[in-house]
Amino acid sequence: MRKIVMIVALCSFLLFMLAGYYVTLWMGERDQRMEAAQANYTLQAKQVIGADTKIIYQYFYSRDRVIKEQIEHAPAFLQGLDMEQLKSIYTGWQIILFSPEKVILRCKIEGLSSETYILGESDGFLAVFYEDTKKNIRLKEKTDLPVSTLPEGEATQLREGIRVTGEENLAKLLSDFMS
């Protein structure tokens, strides 16, 4: 009796192994067919950005896990680009969605969504100050741009301090002053 149970168990094991092998082969062939069909579809209908494509920029703040969005129509320099070309332009950005109707790009920003900065002057140079939750202000960084080289209106604004919320707004404002 014990020999019969062992033979049945061994035959069952071999049968399941054989069935598993054929299922694996069948699934591999199915996956290859699906990949070939996908490649064929991609070649036939290459998706590109058009004039009506909406570009959605998402800024993900890591510390409070907030996503802020900015939506624009595709600028002329992006029109006609496919996903690979877009990736080469937006390095450091993650492409969440790419279609002729909508493109979603996401950038991760270390910090809080409501972080407050103050652009000001330190020792005659453009400086960035950080304001914490207790309204304490401390120097974050000092640039190499002398305030004296700026137009008088901008220099006056900096001496009074320009409040900026969020790092993306800070980056935009700094690039405006530095250019």
C-alpha atoms as a PDB file:
ATOM      1  CA  MET A   1       0.000   0.000   0.000  1.00  0.00           C
ATOM      2  CA  ARG A   2       2.797   2.366   0.858  1.00  0.00           C
ATOM      3  CA  LYS A   3       4.451   1.754  -2.522  1.00  0.00           C
ATOM      4  CA  ILE A   4       1.218   2.580  -4.355  1.00  0.00           C
ATOM      5  CA  VAL A   5       0.868   5.878  -2.469  1.00  0.00           C
ATOM      6  CA  MET A   6       4.476   6.756  -3.295  1.00  0.00           C
ATOM      7  CA  ILE A   7       3.993   5.909  -6.997  1.00  0.00           C
ATOM      8  CA  VAL A   8       0.755   7.945  -7.170  1.00  0.00           C
ATOM      9  CA  ALA A   9       2.456  10.875  -5.414  1.00  0.00           C
ATOM     10  CA  LEU A  10       5.456  10.708  -7.776  1.00  0.00           C
ATOM     11  CA  CYS A  11       3.195  10.476 -10.860  1.00  0.00           C
ATOM     12  CA  SER A  12       1.122  13.414  -9.588  1.00  0.00           C
ATOM     13  CA  PHE A  13       4.269  15.440  -8.982  1.00  0.00           C
ATOM     14  CA  LEU A  14       5.594  14.711 -12.484  1.00  0.00           C
ATOM     15  CA  LEU A  15       2.199  15.499 -14.027  1.00  0.00           C
ATOM     16  CA  PHE A  16       2.044  18.876 -12.257  1.00  0.00           C
ATOM     17  CA  MET A  17       5.636  19.673 -13.263  1.00  0.00           C
ATOM     18  CA  LEU A  18       4.836  18.871 -16.898  1.00  0.00           C
ATOM     19  CA  ALA A  19       1.634  20.939 -16.782  1.00  0.00           C
ATOM     20  CA  GLY A  20       3.530  23.858 -15.230  1.00  0.00           C
ATOM     21  CA  TYR A  21       6.170  23.659 -17.955  1.00  0.00           C
ATOM     22  CA  TYR A  22       3.562  23.822 -20.736  1.00  0.00           C
ATOM     23  CA  VAL A  23       1.641  26.655 -19.062  1.00  0.00           C
ATOM     24  CA  THR A  24       4.885  28.605 -18.734  1.00  0.00           C
ATOM     25  CA  LEU A  25       5.675  28.015 -22.413  1.00  0.00           C
ATOM     26  CA  TRP A  26       2.188  29.069 -23.443  1.00  0.00           C
ATOM     27  CA  MET A  27       2.326  32.259 -21.315  1.00  0.00           C
ATOM     28  CA  GLY A  28       5.770  33.142 -22.700  1.00  0.00           C
ATOM     29  CA  GLU A  29       4.493  32.824 -26.261  1.00  0.00           C
ATOM     30  CA  ARG A  30       1.425  34.890 -25.370  1.00  0.00           C
ATOM     31  CA  ASP A  31       3.625  37.605 -23.865  1.00  0.00           C
ATOM     32  CA  GLN A  32       5.793  37.638 -26.992  1.00  0.00           C
ATOM     33  CA  ARG A  33       2.709  37.985 -29.191  1.00  0.00           C
ATOM     34  CA  MET A  34       1.444  40.838 -27.011  1.00  0.00           C
ATOM     35  CA  GLU A  35       4.820  42.617 -27.138  1.00  0.00           C
ATOM     36  CA  ALA A  36       4.946  42.253 -30.923  1.00  0.00           C
ATOM     37  CA  ALA A  37       1.413  43.635 -31.218  1.00  0.00           C
ATOM     38  CA  GLN A  38       2.308  46.550 -28.907  1.00  0.00           C
ATOM     39  CA  ALA A  39       5.459  47.326 -30.918  1.00  0.00           C
ATOM     40  CA  ASN A  40       3.465  47.187 -34.141  1.00  0.00           C
ATOM     41  CA  TYR A  41       0.814  49.527 -32.697  1.00  0.00           C
ATOM     42  CA  THR A  42       3.487  51.918 -31.443  1.00  0.00           C
ATOM     43  CA  LEU A  43       5.102  52.024 -34.881  1.00  0.00           C
ATOM     44  CA  GLN A  44       1.755  52.668 -36.555  1.00  0.00           C
ATOM     45  CA  ALA A  45       0.533  55.375 -34.181  1.00  0.00           C
ATOM     46  CA  LYS A  46       3.511  57.276 -32.818  1.00  0.00           C
ATOM     47  CA  GLN A  47       2.150  59.671 -30.236  1.00  0.00           C
ATOM     48  CA  VAL A  48       3.415  63.235 -30.275  1.00  0.00           C
ATOM     49  CA  ILE A  49       2.597  66.453 -28.497  1.00  0.00           C
ATOM     50  CA  GLY A  50       0.272  68.726 -30.443  1.00  0.00           C
ATOM     51  CA  ALA A  51      -0.855  72.342 -30.160  1.00  0.00           C
ATOM     52  CA  ASP A  52      -3.926  71.240 -28.158  1.00  0.00           C
ATOM     53  CA  THR A  53      -1.979  69.034 -25.738  1.00  0.00           C
ATOM     54  CA  LYS A  54      -2.241  70.119 -22.111  1.00  0.00           C
ATOM     55  CA  ILE A  55       1.028  69.974 -20.194  1.00  0.00           C
ATOM     56  CA  ILE A  56       0.483  69.407 -16.481  1.00  0.00           C
ATOM     57  CA  TYR A  57       3.467  70.114 -14.264  1.00  0.00           C
ATOM     58  CA  GLN A  58       3.168  68.445 -10.868  1.00  0.00           C
ATOM     59  CA  TYR A  59       5.412  69.454  -7.989  1.00  0.00           C
ATOM     60  CA  PHE A  60       5.579  66.754  -5.308  1.00  0.00           C
ATOM     61  CA  TYR A  61       6.750  68.002  -1.896  1.00  0.00           C
ATOM     62  CA  SER A  62       8.412  65.151  -0.051  1.00  0.00           C
ATOM     63  CA  ARG A  63       8.037  66.359   3.532  1.00  0.00           C
ATOM     64  CA  ASP A  64       4.278  66.925   3.564  1.00  0.00           C
ATOM     65  CA  ARG A  65       3.484  64.747   0.499  1.00  0.00           C
ATOM     66  CA  VAL A  66       1.537  67.509  -1.252  1.00  0.00           C
ATOM     67  CA  ILE A  67       1.233  67.705  -5.040  1.00  0.00           C
ATOM     68  CA  LYS A  68       0.694  71.111  -6.621  1.00  0.00           C
ATOM     69  CA  GLU A  69      -0.179  71.382 -10.300  1.00  0.00           C
ATOM     70  CA  GLN A  70       0.378  73.949 -13.006  1.00  0.00           C
ATOM     71  CA  ILE A  71      -1.503  73.419 -16.296  1.00  0.00           C
ATOM     72  CA  GLU A  72      -0.460  74.977 -19.618  1.00  0.00           C
ATOM     73  CA  HIS A  73      -1.034  74.436 -23.315  1.00  0.00           C
ATOM     74  CA  ALA A  74       1.968  72.862 -25.014  1.00  0.00           C
ATOM     75  CA  PRO A  75       4.512  75.548 -25.913  1.00  0.00           C
ATOM     76  CA  ALA A  76       5.737  75.609 -29.512  1.00  0.00           C
ATOM     77  CA  PHE A  77       9.114  74.037 -28.672  1.00  0.00           C
ATOM     78  CA  LEU A  78       7.394  70.875 -27.346  1.00  0.00           C
ATOM     79  CA  GLN A  79       4.969  70.409 -30.230  1.00  0.00           C
ATOM     80  CA  GLY A  80       5.828  67.441 -32.439  1.00  0.00           C
ATOM     81  CA  LEU A  81       7.948  65.708 -29.786  1.00  0.00           C
ATOM     82  CA  ASP A  82       7.434  62.084 -28.782  1.00  0.00           C
ATOM     83  CA  MET A  83       7.932  60.677 -25.285  1.00  0.00           C
ATOM     84  CA  GLU A  84      11.639  59.866 -25.713  1.00  0.00           C
ATOM     85  CA  GLN A  85      12.386  63.377 -26.965  1.00  0.00           C
ATOM     86  CA  LEU A  86      10.437  64.844 -24.047  1.00  0.00           C
ATOM     87  CA  LYS A  87      12.452  62.716 -21.596  1.00  0.00           C
ATOM     88  CA  SER A  88      15.673  64.157 -23.002  1.00  0.00           C
ATOM     89  CA  ILE A  89      14.437  67.707 -22.359  1.00  0.00           C
ATOM     90  CA  TYR A  90      12.905  67.133 -18.914  1.00  0.00           C
ATOM     91  CA  THR A  91      15.684  65.242 -17.188  1.00  0.00           C
ATOM     92  CA  GLY A  92      14.943  64.917 -13.491  1.00  0.00           C
ATOM     93  CA  TRP A  93      11.204  64.831 -14.182  1.00  0.00           C
ATOM     94  CA  GLN A  94       9.042  61.727 -14.173  1.00  0.00           C
ATOM     95  CA  ILE A  95       6.583  61.314 -17.053  1.00  0.00           C
ATOM     96  CA  ILE A  96       3.373  60.094 -15.407  1.00  0.00           C
ATOM     97  CA  LEU A  97       1.182  60.178 -18.529  1.00  0.00           C
ATOM     98  CA  PHE A  98       1.911  60.784 -22.200  1.00  0.00           C
ATOM     99  CA  SER A  99      -0.852  61.119 -24.771  1.00  0.00           C
ATOM    100  CA  PRO A 100      -1.718  63.586 -27.551  1.00  0.00           C
ATOM    101  CA  GLU A 101      -4.379  65.067 -25.248  1.00  0.00           C
ATOM    102  CA  LYS A 102      -2.442  65.346 -21.988  1.00  0.00           C
ATOM    103  CA  VAL A 103       1.114  65.052 -20.646  1.00  0.00           C
ATOM    104  CA  ILE A 104       1.745  64.870 -16.903  1.00  0.00           C
ATOM    105  CA  LEU A 105       5.271  65.637 -15.682  1.00  0.00           C
ATOM    106  CA  ARG A 106       6.193  65.289 -12.005  1.00  0.00           C
ATOM    107  CA  CYS A 107       9.140  66.772 -10.160  1.00  0.00           C
ATOM    108  CA  LYS A 108      10.056  65.816  -6.590  1.00  0.00           C
ATOM    109  CA  ILE A 109      10.951  68.711  -4.325  1.00  0.00           C
ATOM    110  CA  GLU A 110      12.604  68.115  -0.975  1.00  0.00           C
ATOM    111  CA  GLY A 111      10.783  70.200   1.597  1.00  0.00           C
ATOM    112  CA  LEU A 112       7.347  71.450   2.586  1.00  0.00           C
ATOM    113  CA  SER A 113       4.785  72.851   0.181  1.00  0.00           C
ATOM    114  CA  SER A 114       4.306  75.910   2.336  1.00  0.00           C
ATOM    115  CA  GLU A 115       7.944  76.710   3.078  1.00  0.00           C
ATOM    116  CA  THR A 116       8.472  80.440   3.135  1.00  0.00           C
ATOM    117  CA  TYR A 117      11.612  82.096   1.849  1.00  0.00           C
ATOM    118  CA  ILE A 118      12.631  85.706   1.751  1.00  0.00           C
ATOM    119  CA  LEU A 119      14.818  87.093  -0.981  1.00  0.00           C
ATOM    120  CA  GLY A 120      16.902  89.868   0.443  1.00  0.00           C
ATOM    121  CA  GLU A 121      20.362  91.305   0.771  1.00  0.00           C
ATOM    122  CA  SER A 122      23.318  90.078   2.796  1.00  0.00           C
ATOM    123  CA  ASP A 123      26.646  91.928   2.683  1.00  0.00           C
ATOM    124  CA  GLY A 124      25.596  93.599  -0.586  1.00  0.00           C
ATOM    125  CA  PHE A 125      24.677  90.345  -2.363  1.00  0.00           C
ATOM    126  CA  LEU A 126      21.371  88.712  -3.249  1.00  0.00           C
ATOM    127  CA  ALA A 127      20.578  86.223  -0.491  1.00  0.00           C
ATOM    128  CA  VAL A 128      17.922  83.666   0.331  1.00  0.00           C
ATOM    129  CA  PHE A 129      16.589  83.505   3.857  1.00  0.00           C
ATOM    130  CA  TYR A 130      14.446  80.709   5.304  1.00  0.00           C
ATOM    131  CA  GLU A 131      11.528  81.437   7.603  1.00  0.00           C
ATOM    132  CA  ASP A 132      10.622  78.544   9.904  1.00  0.00           C
ATOM    133  CA  THR A 133       7.230  77.811  11.452  1.00  0.00           C
ATOM    134  CA  LYS A 134       8.085  79.998  14.499  1.00  0.00           C
ATOM    135  CA  LYS A 135       8.777  82.969  12.177  1.00  0.00           C
ATOM    136  CA  ASN A 136      12.522  82.806  12.861  1.00  0.00           C
ATOM    137  CA  ILE A 137      14.549  83.950   9.856  1.00  0.00           C
ATOM    138  CA  ARG A 138      17.969  82.522   9.033  1.00  0.00           C
ATOM    139  CA  LEU A 139      20.276  82.744   6.035  1.00  0.00           C
ATOM    140  CA  LYS A 140      19.901  79.800   3.660  1.00  0.00           C
ATOM    141  CA  GLU A 141      22.335  80.873   0.961  1.00  0.00           C
ATOM    142  CA  LYS A 142      24.104  83.928  -0.364  1.00  0.00           C
ATOM    143  CA  THR A 143      24.512  84.237  -4.130  1.00  0.00           C
ATOM    144  CA  ASP A 144      27.371  85.901  -5.960  1.00  0.00           C
ATOM    145  CA  LEU A 145      25.056  88.521  -7.516  1.00  0.00           C
ATOM    146  CA  PRO A 146      25.754  92.027  -6.170  1.00  0.00           C
ATOM    147  CA  VAL A 147      22.526  93.898  -5.448  1.00  0.00           C
ATOM    148  CA  SER A 148      24.188  97.074  -6.762  1.00  0.00           C
ATOM    149  CA  THR A 149      24.123  95.650 -10.313  1.00  0.00           C
ATOM    150  CA  LEU A 150      20.317  95.378 -10.300  1.00  0.00           C
ATOM    151  CA  PRO A 151      17.901  98.099 -11.394  1.00  0.00           C
ATOM    152  CA  GLU A 152      17.051 100.459  -8.540  1.00  0.00           C
ATOM    153  CA  GLY A 153      13.439  99.210  -8.206  1.00  0.00           C
ATOM    154  CA  GLU A 154      14.534  95.577  -7.830  1.00  0.00           C
ATOM    155  CA  ALA A 155      17.355  96.514  -5.459  1.00  0.00           C
ATOM    156  CA  THR A 156      14.872  98.402  -3.255  1.00  0.00           C
ATOM    157  CA  GLN A 157      12.495  95.426  -3.246  1.00  0.00           C
ATOM    158  CA  LEU A 158      15.339  93.131  -2.178  1.00  0.00           C
ATOM    159  CA  ARG A 159      16.406  95.454   0.609  1.00  0.00           C
ATOM    160  CA  GLU A 160      12.816  95.370   1.903  1.00  0.00           C
ATOM    161  CA  GLY A 161      12.597  91.589   1.392  1.00  0.00           C
ATOM    162  CA  ILE A 162      10.506  89.624  -1.102  1.00  0.00           C
ATOM    163  CA  ARG A 163       8.449  86.803   0.411  1.00  0.00           C
ATOM    164  CA  VAL A 164       8.207  83.597  -1.634  1.00  0.00           C
ATOM    165  CA  THR A 165       6.216  80.449  -0.801  1.00  0.00           C
ATOM    166  CA  GLY A 166       7.531  77.088  -2.008  1.00  0.00           C
ATOM    167  CA  GLU A 167      10.780  76.080  -3.631  1.00  0.00           C
ATOM    168  CA  GLU A 168       9.520  76.152  -7.228  1.00  0.00           C
ATOM    169  CA  ASN A 169       8.494  79.801  -6.839  1.00  0.00           C
ATOM    170  CA  LEU A 170      11.850  80.520  -5.224  1.00  0.00           C
ATOM    171  CA  ALA A 171      13.668  78.859  -8.118  1.00  0.00           C
ATOM    172  CA  LYS A 172      11.666  80.855 -10.693  1.00  0.00           C
ATOM    173  CA  LEU A 173      12.274  84.165  -8.915  1.00  0.00           C
ATOM    174  CA  LEU A 174      15.972  83.447  -8.461  1.00  0.00           C
ATOM    175  CA  SER A 175      16.344  82.577 -12.136  1.00  0.00           C
ATOM    176  CA  ASP A 176      14.631  85.882 -13.017  1.00  0.00           C
ATOM    177  CA  PHE A 177      17.122  87.828 -10.898  1.00  0.00           C
ATOM    178  CA  MET A 178      20.144  85.828 -12.089  1.00  0.00           C
ATOM    179  CA  SER A 179      19.392  86.215 -15.810  1.00  0.00           C
END
